[in-house]
Amino acid sequence: MSKKIENDRLTFPNKNEFKLFINRFSILKGQALFKRRIELGLTQHELAGRARLMGIPLSQPAISSAESGYARTTNLTLDKIAEALGGIEELTITFREVPGERK
């Protein structure tokens, strides 16, 4: 993936590179949500029920899609899941060049 970081701004040379980045980022967010849910000892169904009790409209299929890294999961849905989990303290993403990728 070819990208450039200047002045805290991330730029991509084309739309496909941006889409690739978003897909990878979605997977990382999904993994963080899954990890937190497992730490709390909740099933997806239990988490959906917990969310409903908090007044957060959230279904088990939405949780499953988000945890799998489905790129079309909206940030609003991800925020709802994080809220139902009691928040996610930290999500660290490290950028590195992958050997063989175009710069």
N, C-alpha and C. Protein backbone atom coordinates (compact mmCIF):
# COMPACT_ATOMS: atom_id res chain seq x y z
N MET A 1 0.85 -1.17 0.00
CA MET A 1 0.00 0.00 0.00
C MET A 1 0.90 1.23 0.00
N SER A 2 0.62 2.12 -0.90
CA SER A 2 1.41 3.33 -1.03
C SER A 2 0.66 4.47 -0.38
N LYS A 3 1.30 5.10 0.58
CA LYS A 3 0.66 6.23 1.26
C LYS A 3 1.73 7.21 1.68
N LYS A 4 1.31 8.38 2.04
CA LYS A 4 2.23 9.42 2.44
C LYS A 4 1.65 10.10 3.67
N ILE A 5 2.49 10.30 4.69
CA ILE A 5 2.04 10.99 5.90
C ILE A 5 2.84 12.28 6.03
N GLU A 6 2.13 13.38 5.99
CA GLU A 6 2.74 14.70 6.15
C GLU A 6 1.82 15.54 7.01
N ASN A 7 2.40 16.19 8.01
CA ASN A 7 1.62 17.09 8.86
C ASN A 7 0.37 16.40 9.42
N ASP A 8 0.53 15.18 9.91
CA ASP A 8 -0.57 14.38 10.48
C ASP A 8 -1.69 14.12 9.48
N ARG A 9 -1.38 14.14 8.21
CA ARG A 9 -2.37 13.90 7.18
C ARG A 9 -1.94 12.70 6.34
N LEU A 10 -2.84 11.76 6.20
CA LEU A 10 -2.56 10.54 5.45
C LEU A 10 -3.15 10.67 4.06
N THR A 11 -2.33 10.53 3.03
CA THR A 11 -2.81 10.63 1.66
C THR A 11 -2.50 9.35 0.89
N PHE A 12 -3.32 9.06 -0.10
CA PHE A 12 -3.19 7.87 -0.91
C PHE A 12 -3.12 8.28 -2.37
N PRO A 13 -2.38 7.51 -3.18
CA PRO A 13 -2.22 7.89 -4.59
C PRO A 13 -3.47 7.67 -5.44
N ASN A 14 -4.35 6.78 -4.99
CA ASN A 14 -5.56 6.52 -5.78
C ASN A 14 -6.65 5.90 -4.90
N LYS A 15 -7.83 5.77 -5.47
CA LYS A 15 -9.00 5.27 -4.76
C LYS A 15 -8.82 3.82 -4.30
N ASN A 16 -8.19 2.99 -5.12
CA ASN A 16 -8.00 1.58 -4.75
C ASN A 16 -7.10 1.43 -3.53
N GLU A 17 -6.06 2.23 -3.45
CA GLU A 17 -5.17 2.19 -2.28
C GLU A 17 -5.94 2.60 -1.01
N PHE A 18 -6.79 3.59 -1.14
CA PHE A 18 -7.60 4.03 -0.02
C PHE A 18 -8.55 2.92 0.42
N LYS A 19 -9.21 2.28 -0.53
CA LYS A 19 -10.14 1.19 -0.21
C LYS A 19 -9.41 0.04 0.50
N LEU A 20 -8.22 -0.28 0.05
CA LEU A 20 -7.42 -1.33 0.69
C LEU A 20 -7.14 -0.97 2.15
N PHE A 21 -6.76 0.28 2.38
CA PHE A 21 -6.50 0.75 3.74
C PHE A 21 -7.75 0.63 4.61
N ILE A 22 -8.89 1.06 4.10
CA ILE A 22 -10.15 1.00 4.86
C ILE A 22 -10.50 -0.44 5.20
N ASN A 23 -10.32 -1.34 4.25
CA ASN A 23 -10.62 -2.76 4.52
C ASN A 23 -9.73 -3.30 5.63
N ARG A 24 -8.44 -2.99 5.59
CA ARG A 24 -7.52 -3.46 6.64
C ARG A 24 -7.89 -2.85 7.99
N PHE A 25 -8.24 -1.57 7.98
CA PHE A 25 -8.60 -0.88 9.22
C PHE A 25 -9.88 -1.49 9.80
N SER A 26 -10.85 -1.83 8.96
CA SER A 26 -12.09 -2.46 9.42
C SER A 26 -11.81 -3.78 10.12
N ILE A 27 -10.87 -4.55 9.59
CA ILE A 27 -10.51 -5.82 10.21
C ILE A 27 -9.90 -5.59 11.59
N LEU A 28 -9.03 -4.59 11.71
CA LEU A 28 -8.41 -4.28 13.01
C LEU A 28 -9.45 -3.83 14.04
N LYS A 29 -10.40 -3.00 13.62
CA LYS A 29 -11.45 -2.56 14.53
C LYS A 29 -12.29 -3.75 14.97
N GLY A 30 -12.62 -4.62 14.03
CA GLY A 30 -13.42 -5.80 14.36
C GLY A 30 -12.71 -6.70 15.35
N GLN A 31 -11.40 -6.87 15.18
CA GLN A 31 -10.62 -7.69 16.10
C GLN A 31 -10.61 -7.10 17.50
N ALA A 32 -10.52 -5.77 17.59
CA ALA A 32 -10.52 -5.11 18.91
C ALA A 32 -11.86 -5.31 19.61
N LEU A 33 -12.96 -5.21 18.87
CA LEU A 33 -14.29 -5.41 19.45
C LEU A 33 -14.46 -6.86 19.89
N PHE A 34 -14.03 -7.80 19.05
CA PHE A 34 -14.12 -9.22 19.40
C PHE A 34 -13.33 -9.51 20.68
N LYS A 35 -12.11 -9.00 20.75
CA LYS A 35 -11.26 -9.24 21.92
C LYS A 35 -11.93 -8.73 23.19
N ARG A 36 -12.49 -7.52 23.13
CA ARG A 36 -13.14 -6.94 24.31
C ARG A 36 -14.37 -7.76 24.72
N ARG A 37 -15.16 -8.21 23.74
CA ARG A 37 -16.35 -9.00 24.06
C ARG A 37 -15.96 -10.30 24.74
N ILE A 38 -14.92 -10.95 24.24
CA ILE A 38 -14.45 -12.20 24.83
C ILE A 38 -13.90 -11.96 26.24
N GLU A 39 -13.16 -10.85 26.43
CA GLU A 39 -12.66 -10.51 27.77
C GLU A 39 -13.79 -10.37 28.77
N LEU A 40 -14.93 -9.86 28.31
CA LEU A 40 -16.10 -9.68 29.19
C LEU A 40 -16.92 -10.96 29.34
N GLY A 41 -16.56 -11.99 28.57
CA GLY A 41 -17.27 -13.27 28.66
C GLY A 41 -18.67 -13.23 28.08
N LEU A 42 -18.87 -12.39 27.07
CA LEU A 42 -20.20 -12.25 26.47
C LEU A 42 -20.27 -12.94 25.11
N THR A 43 -21.43 -13.51 24.80
CA THR A 43 -21.68 -13.99 23.44
C THR A 43 -22.19 -12.79 22.64
N GLN A 44 -22.24 -12.94 21.33
CA GLN A 44 -22.78 -11.87 20.50
C GLN A 44 -24.24 -11.61 20.86
N HIS A 45 -24.98 -12.66 21.11
CA HIS A 45 -26.40 -12.54 21.49
C HIS A 45 -26.54 -11.78 22.82
N GLU A 46 -25.70 -12.12 23.79
CA GLU A 46 -25.74 -11.44 25.08
C GLU A 46 -25.38 -9.96 24.93
N LEU A 47 -24.40 -9.67 24.09
CA LEU A 47 -24.01 -8.29 23.88
C LEU A 47 -25.14 -7.50 23.23
N ALA A 48 -25.82 -8.10 22.27
CA ALA A 48 -26.96 -7.43 21.63
C ALA A 48 -28.05 -7.14 22.67
N GLY A 49 -28.31 -8.10 23.57
CA GLY A 49 -29.29 -7.89 24.63
C GLY A 49 -28.86 -6.79 25.58
N ARG A 50 -27.60 -6.78 25.93
CA ARG A 50 -27.05 -5.74 26.80
C ARG A 50 -27.22 -4.37 26.15
N ALA A 51 -26.94 -4.30 24.86
CA ALA A 51 -27.09 -3.04 24.13
C ALA A 51 -28.54 -2.56 24.16
N ARG A 52 -29.48 -3.47 23.92
CA ARG A 52 -30.89 -3.10 23.93
C ARG A 52 -31.32 -2.56 25.29
N LEU A 53 -30.81 -3.17 26.38
CA LEU A 53 -31.13 -2.69 27.73
C LEU A 53 -30.58 -1.28 27.97
N MET A 54 -29.52 -0.94 27.26
CA MET A 54 -28.92 0.39 27.36
C MET A 54 -29.57 1.38 26.40
N GLY A 55 -30.57 0.90 25.64
CA GLY A 55 -31.24 1.76 24.67
C GLY A 55 -30.49 1.91 23.37
N ILE A 56 -29.56 0.97 23.11
CA ILE A 56 -28.76 1.02 21.89
C ILE A 56 -29.30 -0.03 20.92
N PRO A 57 -29.87 0.41 19.80
CA PRO A 57 -30.38 -0.57 18.83
C PRO A 57 -29.24 -1.30 18.13
N LEU A 58 -29.08 -2.57 18.47
CA LEU A 58 -27.97 -3.35 17.94
C LEU A 58 -28.38 -4.81 17.86
N SER A 59 -28.14 -5.43 16.72
CA SER A 59 -28.51 -6.84 16.54
C SER A 59 -27.28 -7.73 16.56
N GLN A 60 -27.51 -9.02 16.79
CA GLN A 60 -26.41 -9.99 16.77
C GLN A 60 -25.76 -10.05 15.38
N PRO A 61 -26.54 -10.04 14.28
CA PRO A 61 -25.88 -10.05 12.96
C PRO A 61 -24.99 -8.82 12.73
N ALA A 62 -25.39 -7.66 13.27
CA ALA A 62 -24.56 -6.46 13.12
C ALA A 62 -23.24 -6.63 13.86
N ILE A 63 -23.30 -7.25 15.03
CA ILE A 63 -22.09 -7.51 15.81
C ILE A 63 -21.18 -8.48 15.06
N SER A 64 -21.77 -9.52 14.52
CA SER A 64 -21.01 -10.51 13.76
C SER A 64 -20.31 -9.86 12.56
N SER A 65 -21.03 -9.03 11.82
CA SER A 65 -20.43 -8.35 10.66
C SER A 65 -19.27 -7.46 11.08
N ALA A 66 -19.46 -6.72 12.16
CA ALA A 66 -18.41 -5.81 12.64
C ALA A 66 -17.18 -6.58 13.08
N GLU A 67 -17.38 -7.65 13.84
CA GLU A 67 -16.24 -8.43 14.33
C GLU A 67 -15.48 -9.12 13.20
N SER A 68 -16.18 -9.45 12.13
CA SER A 68 -15.51 -10.12 11.00
C SER A 68 -14.73 -9.13 10.14
N GLY A 69 -14.89 -7.83 10.44
CA GLY A 69 -14.16 -6.83 9.67
C GLY A 69 -14.85 -6.44 8.39
N TYR A 70 -16.14 -6.74 8.30
CA TYR A 70 -16.91 -6.39 7.11
C TYR A 70 -16.81 -4.90 6.87
N ALA A 71 -16.25 -4.51 5.74
CA ALA A 71 -15.90 -3.12 5.45
C ALA A 71 -17.12 -2.19 5.39
N ARG A 72 -18.29 -2.72 5.16
CA ARG A 72 -19.47 -1.85 5.06
C ARG A 72 -20.11 -1.56 6.41
N THR A 73 -19.54 -2.08 7.47
CA THR A 73 -20.04 -1.76 8.80
C THR A 73 -19.75 -0.28 9.05
N THR A 74 -20.78 0.46 9.42
CA THR A 74 -20.60 1.90 9.59
C THR A 74 -19.89 2.21 10.91
N ASN A 75 -19.29 3.39 10.95
CA ASN A 75 -18.65 3.83 12.19
C ASN A 75 -19.68 3.98 13.30
N LEU A 76 -20.91 4.35 12.95
CA LEU A 76 -21.97 4.47 13.95
C LEU A 76 -22.23 3.12 14.61
N THR A 77 -22.29 2.06 13.80
CA THR A 77 -22.49 0.71 14.36
C THR A 77 -21.31 0.32 15.23
N LEU A 78 -20.10 0.61 14.77
CA LEU A 78 -18.91 0.28 15.57
C LEU A 78 -18.92 1.04 16.89
N ASP A 79 -19.34 2.29 16.86
CA ASP A 79 -19.44 3.08 18.09
C ASP A 79 -20.49 2.51 19.04
N LYS A 80 -21.61 2.04 18.50
CA LYS A 80 -22.67 1.44 19.32
C LYS A 80 -22.14 0.18 20.01
N ILE A 81 -21.42 -0.63 19.27
CA ILE A 81 -20.86 -1.86 19.86
C ILE A 81 -19.87 -1.51 20.95
N ALA A 82 -18.99 -0.56 20.67
CA ALA A 82 -18.00 -0.15 21.68
C ALA A 82 -18.69 0.38 22.93
N GLU A 83 -19.75 1.16 22.74
CA GLU A 83 -20.49 1.70 23.89
C GLU A 83 -21.11 0.56 24.71
N ALA A 84 -21.70 -0.41 24.03
CA ALA A 84 -22.32 -1.55 24.73
C ALA A 84 -21.27 -2.39 25.46
N LEU A 85 -20.05 -2.35 24.97
CA LEU A 85 -18.95 -3.09 25.63
C LEU A 85 -18.35 -2.29 26.78
N GLY A 86 -18.84 -1.09 27.00
CA GLY A 86 -18.28 -0.25 28.05
C GLY A 86 -17.11 0.57 27.56
N GLY A 87 -16.96 0.65 26.26
CA GLY A 87 -15.87 1.43 25.67
C GLY A 87 -14.66 0.58 25.35
N ILE A 88 -13.91 1.03 24.43
CA ILE A 88 -12.64 0.40 24.07
C ILE A 88 -11.57 1.39 24.47
N GLU A 89 -10.71 0.99 25.40
CA GLU A 89 -9.72 1.92 25.92
C GLU A 89 -8.73 2.38 24.86
N GLU A 90 -8.27 1.45 24.05
CA GLU A 90 -7.22 1.83 23.12
C GLU A 90 -7.22 0.91 21.92
N LEU A 91 -7.04 1.50 20.77
CA LEU A 91 -6.83 0.75 19.54
C LEU A 91 -5.61 1.36 18.87
N THR A 92 -4.52 0.63 18.90
CA THR A 92 -3.27 1.12 18.32
C THR A 92 -3.07 0.50 16.96
N ILE A 93 -2.80 1.33 15.99
CA ILE A 93 -2.54 0.85 14.64
C ILE A 93 -1.15 1.31 14.25
N THR A 94 -0.32 0.37 13.85
CA THR A 94 1.03 0.68 13.44
C THR A 94 1.14 0.54 11.93
N PHE A 95 1.63 1.57 11.29
CA PHE A 95 1.84 1.53 9.85
C PHE A 95 3.26 1.09 9.56
N ARG A 96 3.40 0.19 8.64
CA ARG A 96 4.73 -0.25 8.24
C ARG A 96 4.69 -0.59 6.77
N GLU A 97 5.81 -0.48 6.15
CA GLU A 97 5.91 -0.86 4.75
C GLU A 97 6.03 -2.38 4.67
N VAL A 98 5.34 -2.97 3.75
CA VAL A 98 5.39 -4.41 3.54
C VAL A 98 6.35 -4.68 2.39
N PRO A 99 7.35 -5.57 2.60
CA PRO A 99 8.30 -5.86 1.52
C PRO A 99 7.56 -6.27 0.24
N GLY A 100 7.99 -5.71 -0.85
CA GLY A 100 7.39 -6.05 -2.13
C GLY A 100 6.24 -5.14 -2.53
N GLU A 101 5.74 -4.32 -1.59
CA GLU A 101 4.66 -3.40 -1.95
C GLU A 101 5.25 -2.17 -2.60
N ARG A 102 4.50 -1.63 -3.51
CA ARG A 102 4.91 -0.43 -4.22
C ARG A 102 4.94 0.77 -3.28
N LYS A 103 5.96 1.58 -3.35
CA LYS A 103 6.05 2.78 -2.51
C LYS A 103 5.59 4.00 -3.27
